[in-house]
């Protein structure tokens, strides 16, 4: 019998590092996107992937969300990416953080469909600086 707080995985293929798009979680946990799925989507749509690593307790992350990421002009730029906001403190986030050597929040990585880092931005920035960061891979 399972404890109510336990997450039961119904499939075990690479579920710990969440790199297999077929990883399935129980009905108590929403299905989480995987790195492999994001990469295949990036390849088929010909868009780079923007990963936003954050944590619930991170005040600078909340400020970036409120002052930069939620603006209309940023939303228009984000439409040109496969945007993946991931809590780096979850099991999935911690594993992907390890893959990309993310040690602080917020951290934004732009990766290609092969999973290679194209551009990286650690910490907060103004809306204008963030747009320069995003546009650096679009132009």
C-alpha atoms as a PDB file:
ATOM      1  CA  UNK A   1       0.000   0.000   0.000  1.00  0.00           C
ATOM      2  CA  UNK A   2       1.366   3.427  -0.946  1.00  0.00           C
ATOM      3  CA  UNK A   3       1.700   6.412   1.352  1.00  0.00           C
ATOM      4  CA  UNK A   4      -0.542   9.293   0.154  1.00  0.00           C
ATOM      5  CA  UNK A   5       2.527  11.528  -0.277  1.00  0.00           C
ATOM      6  CA  UNK A   6       4.405   9.019  -2.439  1.00  0.00           C
ATOM      7  CA  UNK A   7       4.596   9.545  -6.164  1.00  0.00           C
ATOM      8  CA  UNK A   8       4.096   6.288  -7.975  1.00  0.00           C
ATOM      9  CA  UNK A   9       5.725   6.076 -11.377  1.00  0.00           C
ATOM     10  CA  UNK A  10       3.994   3.698 -13.713  1.00  0.00           C
ATOM     11  CA  UNK A  11       6.942   3.462 -16.097  1.00  0.00           C
ATOM     12  CA  UNK A  12      10.655   3.474 -15.286  1.00  0.00           C
ATOM     13  CA  UNK A  13      12.519   4.242 -18.540  1.00  0.00           C
ATOM     14  CA  UNK A  14      14.932   7.088 -17.726  1.00  0.00           C
ATOM     15  CA  UNK A  15      12.298   8.549 -15.412  1.00  0.00           C
ATOM     16  CA  UNK A  16      14.837   9.795 -12.907  1.00  0.00           C
ATOM     17  CA  UNK A  17      16.514  12.165 -15.347  1.00  0.00           C
ATOM     18  CA  UNK A  18      13.351  12.714 -17.381  1.00  0.00           C
ATOM     19  CA  UNK A  19      15.006  12.430 -20.758  1.00  0.00           C
ATOM     20  CA  UNK A  20      12.610   9.893 -22.213  1.00  0.00           C
ATOM     21  CA  UNK A  21       9.434  11.312 -23.695  1.00  0.00           C
ATOM     22  CA  UNK A  22       7.552   8.163 -22.726  1.00  0.00           C
ATOM     23  CA  UNK A  23       7.984   8.711 -18.978  1.00  0.00           C
ATOM     24  CA  UNK A  24       4.542   8.464 -17.430  1.00  0.00           C
ATOM     25  CA  UNK A  25       3.642   9.584 -13.902  1.00  0.00           C
ATOM     26  CA  UNK A  26       0.695   8.551 -11.761  1.00  0.00           C
ATOM     27  CA  UNK A  27      -2.587  10.421 -11.825  1.00  0.00           C
ATOM     28  CA  UNK A  28      -1.536  12.211  -8.614  1.00  0.00           C
ATOM     29  CA  UNK A  29       1.240  13.992 -10.490  1.00  0.00           C
ATOM     30  CA  UNK A  30       0.752  15.829 -13.789  1.00  0.00           C
ATOM     31  CA  UNK A  31       2.734  14.481 -16.698  1.00  0.00           C
ATOM     32  CA  UNK A  32       6.002  16.388 -16.840  1.00  0.00           C
ATOM     33  CA  UNK A  33       7.592  17.396 -20.124  1.00  0.00           C
ATOM     34  CA  UNK A  34      10.912  15.765 -20.804  1.00  0.00           C
ATOM     35  CA  UNK A  35      14.121  17.104 -22.214  1.00  0.00           C
ATOM     36  CA  UNK A  36      13.940  14.643 -25.113  1.00  0.00           C
ATOM     37  CA  UNK A  37      10.402  15.760 -25.926  1.00  0.00           C
ATOM     38  CA  UNK A  38      11.453  19.437 -25.895  1.00  0.00           C
ATOM     39  CA  UNK A  39      14.391  18.627 -28.175  1.00  0.00           C
ATOM     40  CA  UNK A  40      12.201  16.739 -30.655  1.00  0.00           C
ATOM     41  CA  UNK A  41       9.666  19.572 -30.626  1.00  0.00           C
ATOM     42  CA  UNK A  42      12.499  22.059 -31.200  1.00  0.00           C
ATOM     43  CA  UNK A  43      13.692  20.015 -34.157  1.00  0.00           C
ATOM     44  CA  UNK A  44      10.256  19.691 -35.751  1.00  0.00           C
ATOM     45  CA  UNK A  45       9.263  23.341 -35.217  1.00  0.00           C
ATOM     46  CA  UNK A  46      12.744  24.702 -35.949  1.00  0.00           C
ATOM     47  CA  UNK A  47      12.738  26.778 -32.756  1.00  0.00           C
ATOM     48  CA  UNK A  48      15.369  26.977 -30.023  1.00  0.00           C
ATOM     49  CA  UNK A  49      14.480  25.894 -26.480  1.00  0.00           C
ATOM     50  CA  UNK A  50      14.508  28.445 -23.676  1.00  0.00           C
ATOM     51  CA  UNK A  51      14.744  26.829 -20.245  1.00  0.00           C
ATOM     52  CA  UNK A  52      13.927  29.025 -17.261  1.00  0.00           C
ATOM     53  CA  UNK A  53      15.386  27.471 -14.090  1.00  0.00           C
ATOM     54  CA  UNK A  54      13.742  28.930 -10.992  1.00  0.00           C
ATOM     55  CA  UNK A  55      12.691  28.012  -7.448  1.00  0.00           C
ATOM     56  CA  UNK A  56       9.577  28.863  -5.448  1.00  0.00           C
ATOM     57  CA  UNK A  57      11.649  30.499  -2.700  1.00  0.00           C
ATOM     58  CA  UNK A  58      13.696  32.626  -5.145  1.00  0.00           C
ATOM     59  CA  UNK A  59      12.733  36.309  -4.876  1.00  0.00           C
ATOM     60  CA  UNK A  60      14.786  37.354  -7.955  1.00  0.00           C
ATOM     61  CA  UNK A  61      12.939  34.637  -9.922  1.00  0.00           C
ATOM     62  CA  UNK A  62       9.594  36.073  -8.854  1.00  0.00           C
ATOM     63  CA  UNK A  63      10.757  39.559  -9.827  1.00  0.00           C
ATOM     64  CA  UNK A  64      11.814  38.324 -13.292  1.00  0.00           C
ATOM     65  CA  UNK A  65       8.422  36.680 -13.718  1.00  0.00           C
ATOM     66  CA  UNK A  66       6.496  39.792 -12.686  1.00  0.00           C
ATOM     67  CA  UNK A  67       8.624  42.463 -14.345  1.00  0.00           C
ATOM     68  CA  UNK A  68      10.049  40.785 -17.449  1.00  0.00           C
ATOM     69  CA  UNK A  69       8.585  37.397 -18.375  1.00  0.00           C
ATOM     70  CA  UNK A  70       4.938  38.421 -18.030  1.00  0.00           C
ATOM     71  CA  UNK A  71       5.126  41.495 -20.262  1.00  0.00           C
ATOM     72  CA  UNK A  72       3.437  41.527 -23.642  1.00  0.00           C
ATOM     73  CA  UNK A  73       6.637  42.309 -25.551  1.00  0.00           C
ATOM     74  CA  UNK A  74       8.479  39.420 -23.867  1.00  0.00           C
ATOM     75  CA  UNK A  75       5.558  37.092 -24.597  1.00  0.00           C
ATOM     76  CA  UNK A  76       5.887  37.913 -28.306  1.00  0.00           C
ATOM     77  CA  UNK A  77       9.565  36.916 -28.204  1.00  0.00           C
ATOM     78  CA  UNK A  78       8.881  33.787 -26.158  1.00  0.00           C
ATOM     79  CA  UNK A  79       6.522  32.616 -28.919  1.00  0.00           C
ATOM     80  CA  UNK A  80       9.634  32.110 -31.066  1.00  0.00           C
ATOM     81  CA  UNK A  81      11.004  29.546 -28.589  1.00  0.00           C
ATOM     82  CA  UNK A  82      10.005  26.276 -27.025  1.00  0.00           C
ATOM     83  CA  UNK A  83       9.670  27.815 -23.550  1.00  0.00           C
ATOM     84  CA  UNK A  84      10.155  25.523 -20.567  1.00  0.00           C
ATOM     85  CA  UNK A  85       9.923  26.940 -17.054  1.00  0.00           C
ATOM     86  CA  UNK A  86      11.232  24.382 -14.599  1.00  0.00           C
ATOM     87  CA  UNK A  87      11.519  24.415 -10.828  1.00  0.00           C
ATOM     88  CA  UNK A  88      15.152  23.494 -10.243  1.00  0.00           C
ATOM     89  CA  UNK A  89      14.339  22.174  -6.770  1.00  0.00           C
ATOM     90  CA  UNK A  90      12.153  19.312  -7.993  1.00  0.00           C
ATOM     91  CA  UNK A  91      13.681  15.914  -8.764  1.00  0.00           C
ATOM     92  CA  UNK A  92      13.333  16.531 -12.495  1.00  0.00           C
ATOM     93  CA  UNK A  93      14.683  20.065 -12.214  1.00  0.00           C
ATOM     94  CA  UNK A  94      17.645  18.978 -10.097  1.00  0.00           C
ATOM     95  CA  UNK A  95      18.613  16.338 -12.633  1.00  0.00           C
ATOM     96  CA  UNK A  96      18.404  18.705 -15.576  1.00  0.00           C
ATOM     97  CA  UNK A  97      20.234  21.363 -13.529  1.00  0.00           C
ATOM     98  CA  UNK A  98      23.066  18.852 -13.125  1.00  0.00           C
ATOM     99  CA  UNK A  99      23.209  18.180 -16.861  1.00  0.00           C
ATOM    100  CA  UNK A 100      23.642  21.909 -17.576  1.00  0.00           C
ATOM    101  CA  UNK A 101      25.692  22.943 -14.498  1.00  0.00           C
ATOM    102  CA  UNK A 102      23.065  25.332 -13.143  1.00  0.00           C
ATOM    103  CA  UNK A 103      24.043  26.427  -9.638  1.00  0.00           C
ATOM    104  CA  UNK A 104      21.912  29.534  -9.036  1.00  0.00           C
ATOM    105  CA  UNK A 105      18.525  31.015  -9.876  1.00  0.00           C
ATOM    106  CA  UNK A 106      17.228  32.404 -12.049  1.00  0.00           C
ATOM    107  CA  UNK A 107      19.162  30.846 -14.886  1.00  0.00           C
ATOM    108  CA  UNK A 108      18.064  30.946 -18.503  1.00  0.00           C
ATOM    109  CA  UNK A 109      19.509  28.551 -21.062  1.00  0.00           C
ATOM    110  CA  UNK A 110      18.870  28.623 -24.765  1.00  0.00           C
ATOM    111  CA  UNK A 111      19.592  25.197 -26.202  1.00  0.00           C
ATOM    112  CA  UNK A 112      19.277  23.745 -29.674  1.00  0.00           C
ATOM    113  CA  UNK A 113      17.437  20.600 -30.731  1.00  0.00           C
ATOM    114  CA  UNK A 114      20.545  18.538 -29.902  1.00  0.00           C
ATOM    115  CA  UNK A 115      20.522  19.766 -26.314  1.00  0.00           C
ATOM    116  CA  UNK A 116      23.614  21.943 -26.772  1.00  0.00           C
ATOM    117  CA  UNK A 117      23.757  25.278 -24.953  1.00  0.00           C
ATOM    118  CA  UNK A 118      23.719  28.138 -27.438  1.00  0.00           C
ATOM    119  CA  UNK A 119      23.379  30.997 -24.932  1.00  0.00           C
ATOM    120  CA  UNK A 120      23.213  31.325 -21.153  1.00  0.00           C
ATOM    121  CA  UNK A 121      22.069  34.075 -18.798  1.00  0.00           C
ATOM    122  CA  UNK A 122      22.531  33.786 -15.049  1.00  0.00           C
ATOM    123  CA  UNK A 123      20.640  36.121 -12.734  1.00  0.00           C
ATOM    124  CA  UNK A 124      18.122  38.862 -13.295  1.00  0.00           C
ATOM    125  CA  UNK A 125      18.059  41.515 -15.981  1.00  0.00           C
ATOM    126  CA  UNK A 126      15.922  44.346 -17.233  1.00  0.00           C
ATOM    127  CA  UNK A 127      13.333  43.672 -19.895  1.00  0.00           C
ATOM    128  CA  UNK A 128      15.564  45.331 -22.516  1.00  0.00           C
ATOM    129  CA  UNK A 129      18.598  43.229 -21.516  1.00  0.00           C
ATOM    130  CA  UNK A 130      16.509  40.056 -21.577  1.00  0.00           C
ATOM    131  CA  UNK A 131      15.239  40.898 -25.075  1.00  0.00           C
ATOM    132  CA  UNK A 132      18.839  41.358 -26.268  1.00  0.00           C
ATOM    133  CA  UNK A 133      19.633  37.920 -24.800  1.00  0.00           C
ATOM    134  CA  UNK A 134      16.682  36.295 -26.608  1.00  0.00           C
ATOM    135  CA  UNK A 135      17.288  38.106 -29.874  1.00  0.00           C
ATOM    136  CA  UNK A 136      20.945  37.068 -29.888  1.00  0.00           C
ATOM    137  CA  UNK A 137      19.945  33.614 -31.111  1.00  0.00           C
ATOM    138  CA  UNK A 138      17.066  34.694 -33.328  1.00  0.00           C
ATOM    139  CA  UNK A 139      19.001  37.031 -35.593  1.00  0.00           C
END
